[in-house]
Amino acid sequence: MRLDDFDPNINVEDQRGQGGGGGFGGGGGGLLFGLLPLVFSRFGCGGVAVLLAVVFFFGGGLSMLGGGGSQLSAPTAQIGQRQAGGTDATSSCTVDAASKAACNAVTSADKTWAALFARSGERFTEPKLVFYDGNGQSGCGAAQAAMGPFYCPTDRGIYLDTSFFQELATRFGAKGDFAQDYVIAHEFGHHIQNLLGTSDQVQQQMARASRTQGNALSVKLELQADCYAGVWAAQNRDRMDPGDLEEGMTAAHAIGDDTLQQESQGRVVPDSFTHGTSAQRAAWLKRGLDSGDPAQCDTFSGAI
């Protein structure tokens, strides 16, 4: 995908080289997240998904691309207010090619969604892009590489260890720049849900739901983020190269719950799904791409 270079005023925070630290906000969360690297090495993303589902139902949780539940807390800043504490975008975005690609994608998503919000009379504020390496700290607690990219609604941050892109290509077979852009666009989709209040509404429903029902709600939220990623791509269709669609479909298929569970544990447990099947993820990404209309991303009405 042929994206323009990043906006030097993009909201970026760089935690690389600073080490990690901090637990997960109290209770058993810090211990659970301390187990993430071990679980990942033994059981892969499927095992991480199971662990993170436990974290969600004990009061923690994050919204991640490839595993786990979602912490759906109310925003802590007013819409339209720029987040404070960012670092110099130019130096952070030019560390390597992966960093620049991420910054380019976030800049494009900022512009695209700002325009869509303006058309509908909504107020938009950009998220911050946070780079970390191995271990970091978010407003939702510890950030660890085994968690994959995630969005934290508390500080409106998209958290990224760029080594995930290499894993996406080598372990999951999802190569290409559009596969990486899809990762960013999906997490940006969670930011849109946060701004629109969807995340808060789902959180309230989850508080009254059983674990199985909560997982089903999480799937709907994740599939909507996939659809929003497709909407972003559709709004920038003139920048797509031949093969980009296939790269996106490959990435979406590779990180479906059924595919990850089959790979990690040799069996599939539908009631434990938190992100949707490979077929569902690919279908909702394509729905957004075909329509270019956020209104077509209603995963909460009817069957998915």
C-alpha atoms as a PDB file:
ATOM      1  CA  MET A   1       0.000   0.000   0.000  1.00  0.00           C
ATOM      2  CA  ARG A   2       1.415   3.348  -1.050  1.00  0.00           C
ATOM      3  CA  LEU A   3       0.963   5.583   1.993  1.00  0.00           C
ATOM      4  CA  ASP A   4       2.336   9.082   2.434  1.00  0.00           C
ATOM      5  CA  ASP A   5       5.092   9.644   4.951  1.00  0.00           C
ATOM      6  CA  PHE A   6       3.943  10.187   8.516  1.00  0.00           C
ATOM      7  CA  ASP A   7       2.877  13.534   9.907  1.00  0.00           C
ATOM      8  CA  PRO A   8       5.764  14.859  12.053  1.00  0.00           C
ATOM      9  CA  ASN A   9       3.126  16.010  14.540  1.00  0.00           C
ATOM     10  CA  ILE A  10       1.712  12.520  14.998  1.00  0.00           C
ATOM     11  CA  ASN A  11       1.101  11.590  18.633  1.00  0.00           C
ATOM     12  CA  VAL A  12       3.899   9.106  19.419  1.00  0.00           C
ATOM     13  CA  GLU A  13       5.376   7.765  22.615  1.00  0.00           C
ATOM     14  CA  ASP A  14       8.523   5.638  22.550  1.00  0.00           C
ATOM     15  CA  GLN A  15       9.260   3.279  25.429  1.00  0.00           C
ATOM     16  CA  ARG A  16      11.918   1.272  23.627  1.00  0.00           C
ATOM     17  CA  GLY A  17      15.094   0.832  25.596  1.00  0.00           C
ATOM     18  CA  GLN A  18      13.388   1.837  28.833  1.00  0.00           C
ATOM     19  CA  GLY A  19      12.666  -1.662  30.095  1.00  0.00           C
ATOM     20  CA  GLY A  20       9.304  -2.648  31.496  1.00  0.00           C
ATOM     21  CA  GLY A  21       7.672  -2.861  34.827  1.00  0.00           C
ATOM     22  CA  GLY A  22       4.483  -2.610  36.700  1.00  0.00           C
ATOM     23  CA  GLY A  23       1.738  -5.053  37.320  1.00  0.00           C
ATOM     24  CA  PHE A  24      -1.709  -5.187  35.908  1.00  0.00           C
ATOM     25  CA  GLY A  25      -3.512  -2.746  38.102  1.00  0.00           C
ATOM     26  CA  GLY A  26      -4.116  -4.848  41.189  1.00  0.00           C
ATOM     27  CA  GLY A  27      -5.525  -8.190  42.213  1.00  0.00           C
ATOM     28  CA  GLY A  28      -4.128 -11.211  40.405  1.00  0.00           C
ATOM     29  CA  GLY A  29      -3.587  -9.351  37.132  1.00  0.00           C
ATOM     30  CA  GLY A  30       0.128  -8.688  37.583  1.00  0.00           C
ATOM     31  CA  LEU A  31       0.762 -12.360  38.293  1.00  0.00           C
ATOM     32  CA  LEU A  32      -1.297 -13.455  35.316  1.00  0.00           C
ATOM     33  CA  PHE A  33       0.510 -11.132  32.946  1.00  0.00           C
ATOM     34  CA  GLY A  34       3.830 -12.232  34.403  1.00  0.00           C
ATOM     35  CA  LEU A  35       2.944 -15.703  33.120  1.00  0.00           C
ATOM     36  CA  LEU A  36       2.395 -14.508  29.555  1.00  0.00           C
ATOM     37  CA  PRO A  37       5.878 -15.235  28.185  1.00  0.00           C
ATOM     38  CA  LEU A  38       5.848 -18.745  29.655  1.00  0.00           C
ATOM     39  CA  VAL A  39       2.360 -19.495  28.361  1.00  0.00           C
ATOM     40  CA  PHE A  40       3.263 -18.153  24.930  1.00  0.00           C
ATOM     41  CA  SER A  41       6.423 -20.258  24.681  1.00  0.00           C
ATOM     42  CA  ARG A  42       4.578 -23.418  25.752  1.00  0.00           C
ATOM     43  CA  PHE A  43       1.168 -23.021  24.156  1.00  0.00           C
ATOM     44  CA  GLY A  44       1.402 -20.239  21.573  1.00  0.00           C
ATOM     45  CA  CYS A  45      -1.218 -17.562  20.955  1.00  0.00           C
ATOM     46  CA  GLY A  46      -4.048 -19.940  21.798  1.00  0.00           C
ATOM     47  CA  GLY A  47      -2.706 -20.381  25.303  1.00  0.00           C
ATOM     48  CA  VAL A  48      -2.267 -16.641  25.659  1.00  0.00           C
ATOM     49  CA  ALA A  49      -5.878 -16.181  24.545  1.00  0.00           C
ATOM     50  CA  VAL A  50      -7.107 -18.493  27.283  1.00  0.00           C
ATOM     51  CA  LEU A  51      -5.004 -16.719  29.919  1.00  0.00           C
ATOM     52  CA  LEU A  52      -6.144 -13.294  28.815  1.00  0.00           C
ATOM     53  CA  ALA A  53      -9.764 -14.407  28.877  1.00  0.00           C
ATOM     54  CA  VAL A  54      -9.195 -15.262  32.535  1.00  0.00           C
ATOM     55  CA  VAL A  55      -7.670 -11.808  33.093  1.00  0.00           C
ATOM     56  CA  PHE A  56     -10.707 -10.156  31.519  1.00  0.00           C
ATOM     57  CA  PHE A  57     -13.168 -11.936  33.757  1.00  0.00           C
ATOM     58  CA  PHE A  58     -11.171 -11.017  36.847  1.00  0.00           C
ATOM     59  CA  GLY A  59     -11.320  -7.323  36.114  1.00  0.00           C
ATOM     60  CA  GLY A  60      -8.398  -6.695  33.772  1.00  0.00           C
ATOM     61  CA  GLY A  61      -8.044  -7.169  30.078  1.00  0.00           C
ATOM     62  CA  LEU A  62      -6.949  -5.493  26.905  1.00  0.00           C
ATOM     63  CA  SER A  63      -8.119  -5.281  23.333  1.00  0.00           C
ATOM     64  CA  MET A  64      -5.644  -7.221  21.224  1.00  0.00           C
ATOM     65  CA  LEU A  65      -5.412  -8.306  17.644  1.00  0.00           C
ATOM     66  CA  GLY A  66      -4.548 -11.934  18.179  1.00  0.00           C
ATOM     67  CA  GLY A  67      -5.718 -13.097  21.578  1.00  0.00           C
ATOM     68  CA  GLY A  68      -7.477 -12.304  24.797  1.00  0.00           C
ATOM     69  CA  GLY A  69     -10.339 -10.213  26.070  1.00  0.00           C
ATOM     70  CA  SER A  70     -10.879  -6.479  26.132  1.00  0.00           C
ATOM     71  CA  GLN A  71     -10.659  -3.897  28.886  1.00  0.00           C
ATOM     72  CA  LEU A  72     -13.516  -1.627  27.915  1.00  0.00           C
ATOM     73  CA  SER A  73     -13.241   1.274  30.303  1.00  0.00           C
ATOM     74  CA  ALA A  74     -14.693   4.721  29.847  1.00  0.00           C
ATOM     75  CA  PRO A  75     -12.413   7.374  28.321  1.00  0.00           C
ATOM     76  CA  THR A  76     -10.383   9.440  30.771  1.00  0.00           C
ATOM     77  CA  ALA A  77      -9.858  12.472  28.530  1.00  0.00           C
ATOM     78  CA  GLN A  78     -12.308  14.686  26.709  1.00  0.00           C
ATOM     79  CA  ILE A  79     -12.819  13.963  23.023  1.00  0.00           C
ATOM     80  CA  GLY A  80     -10.885  16.531  21.050  1.00  0.00           C
ATOM     81  CA  GLN A  81      -8.136  16.865  23.660  1.00  0.00           C
ATOM     82  CA  ARG A  82      -4.672  15.820  22.529  1.00  0.00           C
ATOM     83  CA  GLN A  83      -2.909  13.328  24.774  1.00  0.00           C
ATOM     84  CA  ALA A  84       0.063  14.710  26.673  1.00  0.00           C
ATOM     85  CA  GLY A  85       3.447  13.107  27.192  1.00  0.00           C
ATOM     86  CA  GLY A  86       4.275  12.097  23.616  1.00  0.00           C
ATOM     87  CA  THR A  87       7.808  11.947  22.310  1.00  0.00           C
ATOM     88  CA  ASP A  88       9.419  13.294  19.142  1.00  0.00           C
ATOM     89  CA  ALA A  89       7.708  11.584  16.227  1.00  0.00           C
ATOM     90  CA  THR A  90      10.495  11.987  13.700  1.00  0.00           C
ATOM     91  CA  SER A  91      13.121  10.219  15.782  1.00  0.00           C
ATOM     92  CA  SER A  92      10.718   7.495  16.934  1.00  0.00           C
ATOM     93  CA  CYS A  93       9.199   6.840  13.519  1.00  0.00           C
ATOM     94  CA  THR A  94      12.536   6.562  11.746  1.00  0.00           C
ATOM     95  CA  VAL A  95      14.176   3.985  14.024  1.00  0.00           C
ATOM     96  CA  ASP A  96      13.614   1.339  11.356  1.00  0.00           C
ATOM     97  CA  ALA A  97      11.372   0.492   8.402  1.00  0.00           C
ATOM     98  CA  ALA A  98       8.738  -1.171  10.603  1.00  0.00           C
ATOM     99  CA  SER A  99       8.434   1.914  12.805  1.00  0.00           C
ATOM    100  CA  LYS A 100       8.040   4.174   9.801  1.00  0.00           C
ATOM    101  CA  ALA A 101       5.411   1.890   8.281  1.00  0.00           C
ATOM    102  CA  ALA A 102       3.432   1.959  11.528  1.00  0.00           C
ATOM    103  CA  CYS A 103       3.618   5.753  11.723  1.00  0.00           C
ATOM    104  CA  ASN A 104       2.558   6.070   8.093  1.00  0.00           C
ATOM    105  CA  ALA A 105      -0.455   3.826   8.729  1.00  0.00           C
ATOM    106  CA  VAL A 106      -1.513   5.709  11.861  1.00  0.00           C
ATOM    107  CA  THR A 107      -1.186   9.060  10.079  1.00  0.00           C
ATOM    108  CA  SER A 108      -3.364   7.757   7.248  1.00  0.00           C
ATOM    109  CA  ALA A 109      -5.934   6.403   9.681  1.00  0.00           C
ATOM    110  CA  ASP A 110      -5.952   9.715  11.585  1.00  0.00           C
ATOM    111  CA  LYS A 111      -6.778  11.632   8.400  1.00  0.00           C
ATOM    112  CA  THR A 112      -9.311   9.090   7.164  1.00  0.00           C
ATOM    113  CA  TRP A 113     -11.318   8.821  10.363  1.00  0.00           C
ATOM    114  CA  ALA A 114     -11.132  12.566  11.059  1.00  0.00           C
ATOM    115  CA  ALA A 115     -12.822  13.124   7.699  1.00  0.00           C
ATOM    116  CA  LEU A 116     -15.444  10.415   8.325  1.00  0.00           C
ATOM    117  CA  PHE A 117     -16.234  11.837  11.763  1.00  0.00           C
ATOM    118  CA  ALA A 118     -16.521  15.346  10.328  1.00  0.00           C
ATOM    119  CA  ARG A 119     -19.065  14.151   7.761  1.00  0.00           C
ATOM    120  CA  SER A 120     -21.239  12.672  10.490  1.00  0.00           C
ATOM    121  CA  GLY A 121     -20.852  15.620  12.847  1.00  0.00           C
ATOM    122  CA  GLU A 122     -18.819  13.695  15.426  1.00  0.00           C
ATOM    123  CA  ARG A 123     -15.735  15.030  17.197  1.00  0.00           C
ATOM    124  CA  PHE A 124     -12.549  13.089  16.588  1.00  0.00           C
ATOM    125  CA  THR A 125      -9.314  12.861  18.524  1.00  0.00           C
ATOM    126  CA  GLU A 126      -6.348  10.831  17.425  1.00  0.00           C
ATOM    127  CA  PRO A 127      -4.921   7.991  19.503  1.00  0.00           C
ATOM    128  CA  LYS A 128      -1.281   7.878  20.496  1.00  0.00           C
ATOM    129  CA  LEU A 129       1.034   5.284  18.989  1.00  0.00           C
ATOM    130  CA  VAL A 130       3.271   3.724  21.639  1.00  0.00           C
ATOM    131  CA  PHE A 131       6.363   1.750  20.649  1.00  0.00           C
ATOM    132  CA  TYR A 132       7.859  -0.660  23.154  1.00  0.00           C
ATOM    133  CA  ASP A 133      10.286  -3.553  22.955  1.00  0.00           C
ATOM    134  CA  GLY A 134       9.635  -6.689  24.964  1.00  0.00           C
ATOM    135  CA  ASN A 135       8.215  -5.007  28.035  1.00  0.00           C
ATOM    136  CA  GLY A 136       6.441  -1.724  28.433  1.00  0.00           C
ATOM    137  CA  GLN A 137       3.771  -0.011  30.470  1.00  0.00           C
ATOM    138  CA  SER A 138       0.332   1.124  29.371  1.00  0.00           C
ATOM    139  CA  GLY A 139      -2.587   2.805  31.058  1.00  0.00           C
ATOM    140  CA  CYS A 140      -4.113  -0.674  31.204  1.00  0.00           C
ATOM    141  CA  GLY A 141      -1.068  -2.269  32.860  1.00  0.00           C
ATOM    142  CA  ALA A 142       1.963  -4.171  31.638  1.00  0.00           C
ATOM    143  CA  ALA A 143       2.702  -4.380  27.910  1.00  0.00           C
ATOM    144  CA  GLN A 144       4.541  -7.512  26.856  1.00  0.00           C
ATOM    145  CA  ALA A 145       5.573  -8.726  23.435  1.00  0.00           C
ATOM    146  CA  ALA A 146       3.668 -12.007  23.864  1.00  0.00           C
ATOM    147  CA  MET A 147       0.418 -10.030  23.987  1.00  0.00           C
ATOM    148  CA  GLY A 148       0.786  -8.772  20.444  1.00  0.00           C
ATOM    149  CA  PRO A 149      -0.394  -5.297  19.390  1.00  0.00           C
ATOM    150  CA  PHE A 150      -3.233  -3.919  21.509  1.00  0.00           C
ATOM    151  CA  TYR A 151      -5.303  -0.843  22.200  1.00  0.00           C
ATOM    152  CA  CYS A 152      -5.690   0.559  25.707  1.00  0.00           C
ATOM    153  CA  PRO A 153      -8.839   2.681  26.054  1.00  0.00           C
ATOM    154  CA  THR A 154      -7.722   4.226  29.336  1.00  0.00           C
ATOM    155  CA  ASP A 155      -4.913   6.234  27.717  1.00  0.00           C
ATOM    156  CA  ARG A 156      -6.150   5.858  24.132  1.00  0.00           C
ATOM    157  CA  GLY A 157      -2.929   4.228  23.072  1.00  0.00           C
ATOM    158  CA  ILE A 158      -2.138   1.762  20.295  1.00  0.00           C
ATOM    159  CA  TYR A 159       0.720  -0.327  21.699  1.00  0.00           C
ATOM    160  CA  LEU A 160       3.132  -1.985  19.320  1.00  0.00           C
ATOM    161  CA  ASP A 161       6.278  -4.065  19.581  1.00  0.00           C
ATOM    162  CA  THR A 162       7.331  -3.983  15.935  1.00  0.00           C
ATOM    163  CA  SER A 163       8.874  -7.458  16.226  1.00  0.00           C
ATOM    164  CA  PHE A 164       5.285  -8.673  15.851  1.00  0.00           C
ATOM    165  CA  PHE A 165       5.463  -7.816  12.168  1.00  0.00           C
ATOM    166  CA  GLN A 166       8.265 -10.319  11.696  1.00  0.00           C
ATOM    167  CA  GLU A 167       6.271 -12.967  13.543  1.00  0.00           C
ATOM    168  CA  LEU A 168       3.234 -12.137  11.424  1.00  0.00           C
ATOM    169  CA  ALA A 169       5.254 -12.886   8.304  1.00  0.00           C
ATOM    170  CA  THR A 170       7.258 -15.900   9.470  1.00  0.00           C
ATOM    171  CA  ARG A 171       5.003 -17.714  11.934  1.00  0.00           C
ATOM    172  CA  PHE A 172       1.627 -16.824  10.493  1.00  0.00           C
ATOM    173  CA  GLY A 173       2.630 -16.589   6.835  1.00  0.00           C
ATOM    174  CA  ALA A 174       1.043 -13.149   6.497  1.00  0.00           C
ATOM    175  CA  LYS A 175       3.623 -11.171   4.554  1.00  0.00           C
ATOM    176  CA  GLY A 176       3.454  -7.783   2.921  1.00  0.00           C
ATOM    177  CA  ASP A 177       2.929  -4.174   3.852  1.00  0.00           C
ATOM    178  CA  PHE A 178      -0.860  -4.382   3.785  1.00  0.00           C
ATOM    179  CA  ALA A 179      -0.840  -7.207   6.334  1.00  0.00           C
ATOM    180  CA  GLN A 180       1.035  -4.852   8.665  1.00  0.00           C
ATOM    181  CA  ASP A 181      -1.295  -1.968   7.855  1.00  0.00           C
ATOM    182  CA  TYR A 182      -4.262  -4.191   8.712  1.00  0.00           C
ATOM    183  CA  VAL A 183      -2.776  -4.786  12.175  1.00  0.00           C
ATOM    184  CA  ILE A 184      -2.603  -1.042  12.807  1.00  0.00           C
ATOM    185  CA  ALA A 185      -6.002  -0.365  11.258  1.00  0.00           C
ATOM    186  CA  HIS A 186      -7.635  -3.034  13.443  1.00  0.00           C
ATOM    187  CA  GLU A 187      -6.281  -1.479  16.634  1.00  0.00           C
ATOM    188  CA  PHE A 188      -7.324   1.930  15.329  1.00  0.00           C
ATOM    189  CA  GLY A 189     -10.784   0.428  14.938  1.00  0.00           C
ATOM    190  CA  HIS A 190     -10.869  -0.148  18.690  1.00  0.00           C
ATOM    191  CA  HIS A 191     -10.083   3.540  19.159  1.00  0.00           C
ATOM    192  CA  ILE A 192     -13.092   4.398  17.001  1.00  0.00           C
ATOM    193  CA  GLN A 193     -15.253   2.132  19.162  1.00  0.00           C
ATOM    194  CA  ASN A 194     -13.949   3.927  22.225  1.00  0.00           C
ATOM    195  CA  LEU A 195     -14.746   7.361  20.818  1.00  0.00           C
ATOM    196  CA  LEU A 196     -18.246   6.315  19.729  1.00  0.00           C
ATOM    197  CA  GLY A 197     -19.065   4.779  23.089  1.00  0.00           C
ATOM    198  CA  THR A 198     -19.436   1.265  21.689  1.00  0.00           C
ATOM    199  CA  SER A 199     -16.751  -0.106  23.992  1.00  0.00           C
ATOM    200  CA  ASP A 200     -18.471   1.307  27.052  1.00  0.00           C
ATOM    201  CA  GLN A 201     -21.829  -0.139  26.007  1.00  0.00           C
ATOM    202  CA  VAL A 202     -20.281  -3.573  25.511  1.00  0.00           C
ATOM    203  CA  GLN A 203     -18.544  -3.346  28.868  1.00  0.00           C
ATOM    204  CA  GLN A 204     -21.889  -2.748  30.561  1.00  0.00           C
ATOM    205  CA  GLN A 205     -23.397  -5.753  28.800  1.00  0.00           C
ATOM    206  CA  MET A 206     -20.419  -7.924  29.714  1.00  0.00           C
ATOM    207  CA  ALA A 207     -20.817  -7.019  33.383  1.00  0.00           C
ATOM    208  CA  ARG A 208     -24.192  -8.777  33.327  1.00  0.00           C
ATOM    209  CA  ALA A 209     -23.171 -11.651  31.063  1.00  0.00           C
ATOM    210  CA  SER A 210     -21.884 -15.155  31.652  1.00  0.00           C
ATOM    211  CA  ARG A 211     -18.373 -15.992  30.509  1.00  0.00           C
ATOM    212  CA  THR A 212     -19.645 -17.577  27.285  1.00  0.00           C
ATOM    213  CA  GLN A 213     -21.905 -14.603  26.604  1.00  0.00           C
ATOM    214  CA  GLY A 214     -19.035 -12.231  27.368  1.00  0.00           C
ATOM    215  CA  ASN A 215     -16.811 -14.044  24.901  1.00  0.00           C
ATOM    216  CA  ALA A 216     -19.518 -13.723  22.251  1.00  0.00           C
ATOM    217  CA  LEU A 217     -19.716  -9.977  22.860  1.00  0.00           C
ATOM    218  CA  SER A 218     -15.929  -9.742  22.603  1.00  0.00           C
ATOM    219  CA  VAL A 219     -16.088 -11.499  19.224  1.00  0.00           C
ATOM    220  CA  LYS A 220     -18.604  -8.959  17.951  1.00  0.00           C
ATOM    221  CA  LEU A 221     -16.381  -6.098  19.112  1.00  0.00           C
ATOM    222  CA  GLU A 222     -13.295  -7.587  17.451  1.00  0.00           C
ATOM    223  CA  LEU A 223     -15.070  -8.310  14.178  1.00  0.00           C
ATOM    224  CA  GLN A 224     -16.327  -4.740  14.088  1.00  0.00           C
ATOM    225  CA  ALA A 225     -12.717  -3.556  14.471  1.00  0.00           C
ATOM    226  CA  ASP A 226     -11.812  -5.777  11.512  1.00  0.00           C
ATOM    227  CA  CYS A 227     -14.616  -4.183   9.507  1.00  0.00           C
ATOM    228  CA  TYR A 228     -13.430  -0.703  10.471  1.00  0.00           C
ATOM    229  CA  ALA A 229      -9.964  -1.685   9.235  1.00  0.00           C
ATOM    230  CA  GLY A 230     -11.583  -2.515   5.912  1.00  0.00           C
ATOM    231  CA  VAL A 231     -13.390   0.834   5.862  1.00  0.00           C
ATOM    232  CA  TRP A 232     -10.070   2.616   6.266  1.00  0.00           C
ATOM    233  CA  ALA A 233      -8.604   0.625   3.381  1.00  0.00           C
ATOM    234  CA  ALA A 234     -11.633   1.337   1.203  1.00  0.00           C
ATOM    235  CA  GLN A 235     -11.310   5.071   1.815  1.00  0.00           C
ATOM    236  CA  ASN A 236      -7.736   4.770   0.529  1.00  0.00           C
ATOM    237  CA  ARG A 237      -8.414   2.295  -2.262  1.00  0.00           C
ATOM    238  CA  ASP A 238      -6.486   4.373  -4.788  1.00  0.00           C
ATOM    239  CA  ARG A 239      -3.342   3.684  -2.762  1.00  0.00           C
ATOM    240  CA  MET A 240      -3.724  -0.083  -2.729  1.00  0.00           C
ATOM    241  CA  ASP A 241      -1.434  -2.239  -4.845  1.00  0.00           C
ATOM    242  CA  PRO A 242      -2.291  -5.496  -6.597  1.00  0.00           C
ATOM    243  CA  GLY A 243      -2.100  -8.255  -4.014  1.00  0.00           C
ATOM    244  CA  ASP A 244      -2.914  -6.039  -1.019  1.00  0.00           C
ATOM    245  CA  LEU A 245      -6.370  -7.546  -0.590  1.00  0.00           C
ATOM    246  CA  GLU A 246      -4.906 -11.046  -0.582  1.00  0.00           C
ATOM    247  CA  GLU A 247      -2.327  -9.987   2.022  1.00  0.00           C
ATOM    248  CA  GLY A 248      -5.086  -8.674   4.264  1.00  0.00           C
ATOM    249  CA  MET A 249      -7.234 -11.777   3.865  1.00  0.00           C
ATOM    250  CA  THR A 250      -4.249 -13.985   4.664  1.00  0.00           C
ATOM    251  CA  ALA A 251      -3.508 -12.025   7.825  1.00  0.00           C
ATOM    252  CA  ALA A 252      -7.140 -12.063   8.975  1.00  0.00           C
ATOM    253  CA  HIS A 253      -7.399 -15.786   8.350  1.00  0.00           C
ATOM    254  CA  ALA A 254      -4.127 -16.545  10.152  1.00  0.00           C
ATOM    255  CA  ILE A 255      -5.228 -14.981  13.433  1.00  0.00           C
ATOM    256  CA  GLY A 256      -8.722 -16.449  13.706  1.00  0.00           C
ATOM    257  CA  ASP A 257      -9.486 -18.124  17.023  1.00  0.00           C
ATOM    258  CA  ASP A 258     -10.135 -21.503  15.424  1.00  0.00           C
ATOM    259  CA  THR A 259      -6.864 -21.451  13.511  1.00  0.00           C
ATOM    260  CA  LEU A 260      -4.840 -20.381  16.554  1.00  0.00           C
ATOM    261  CA  GLN A 261      -6.481 -22.927  18.831  1.00  0.00           C
ATOM    262  CA  GLN A 262      -6.020 -25.757  16.368  1.00  0.00           C
ATOM    263  CA  GLU A 263      -2.358 -24.861  16.005  1.00  0.00           C
ATOM    264  CA  SER A 264      -1.653 -24.459  19.703  1.00  0.00           C
ATOM    265  CA  GLN A 265      -3.781 -27.159  21.326  1.00  0.00           C
ATOM    266  CA  GLY A 266      -4.942 -29.428  18.510  1.00  0.00           C
ATOM    267  CA  ARG A 267      -8.622 -28.757  19.079  1.00  0.00           C
ATOM    268  CA  VAL A 268     -11.128 -25.936  18.766  1.00  0.00           C
ATOM    269  CA  VAL A 269     -13.355 -24.666  21.605  1.00  0.00           C
ATOM    270  CA  PRO A 270     -15.916 -22.256  20.097  1.00  0.00           C
ATOM    271  CA  ASP A 271     -17.284 -21.045  23.450  1.00  0.00           C
ATOM    272  CA  SER A 272     -13.824 -19.685  24.288  1.00  0.00           C
ATOM    273  CA  PHE A 273     -13.509 -17.612  21.109  1.00  0.00           C
ATOM    274  CA  THR A 274     -12.846 -13.921  21.791  1.00  0.00           C
ATOM    275  CA  HIS A 275     -11.957 -12.611  18.316  1.00  0.00           C
ATOM    276  CA  GLY A 276     -13.893 -14.745  15.838  1.00  0.00           C
ATOM    277  CA  THR A 277     -13.076 -17.513  13.415  1.00  0.00           C
ATOM    278  CA  SER A 278     -10.702 -17.083  10.506  1.00  0.00           C
ATOM    279  CA  ALA A 279     -13.641 -17.015   8.104  1.00  0.00           C
ATOM    280  CA  GLN A 280     -15.471 -14.388  10.158  1.00  0.00           C
ATOM    281  CA  ARG A 281     -12.449 -12.129  10.458  1.00  0.00           C
ATOM    282  CA  ALA A 282     -11.735 -12.253   6.749  1.00  0.00           C
ATOM    283  CA  ALA A 283     -15.418 -11.730   5.905  1.00  0.00           C
ATOM    284  CA  TRP A 284     -15.808  -8.627   8.074  1.00  0.00           C
ATOM    285  CA  LEU A 285     -12.551  -7.127   6.849  1.00  0.00           C
ATOM    286  CA  LYS A 286     -13.798  -7.572   3.282  1.00  0.00           C
ATOM    287  CA  ARG A 287     -17.221  -6.176   4.166  1.00  0.00           C
ATOM    288  CA  GLY A 288     -15.612  -2.960   5.327  1.00  0.00           C
ATOM    289  CA  LEU A 289     -13.381  -2.872   2.275  1.00  0.00           C
ATOM    290  CA  ASP A 290     -16.260  -3.500  -0.138  1.00  0.00           C
ATOM    291  CA  SER A 291     -18.566  -0.899   1.410  1.00  0.00           C
ATOM    292  CA  GLY A 292     -16.233   1.782   2.762  1.00  0.00           C
ATOM    293  CA  ASP A 293     -19.111   2.605   5.108  1.00  0.00           C
ATOM    294  CA  PRO A 294     -18.791   2.362   8.916  1.00  0.00           C
ATOM    295  CA  ALA A 295     -22.560   1.872   9.115  1.00  0.00           C
ATOM    296  CA  GLN A 296     -22.085  -1.499   7.419  1.00  0.00           C
ATOM    297  CA  CYS A 297     -19.950  -2.680  10.358  1.00  0.00           C
ATOM    298  CA  ASP A 298     -22.779  -3.405  12.763  1.00  0.00           C
ATOM    299  CA  THR A 299     -21.764  -6.801  14.114  1.00  0.00           C
ATOM    300  CA  PHE A 300     -24.152  -6.469  17.057  1.00  0.00           C
ATOM    301  CA  SER A 301     -27.408  -6.851  15.098  1.00  0.00           C
ATOM    302  CA  GLY A 302     -28.249 -10.396  14.114  1.00  0.00           C
ATOM    303  CA  ALA A 303     -25.938 -13.301  13.422  1.00  0.00           C
ATOM    304  CA  ILE A 304     -22.281 -12.804  12.579  1.00  0.00           C
END
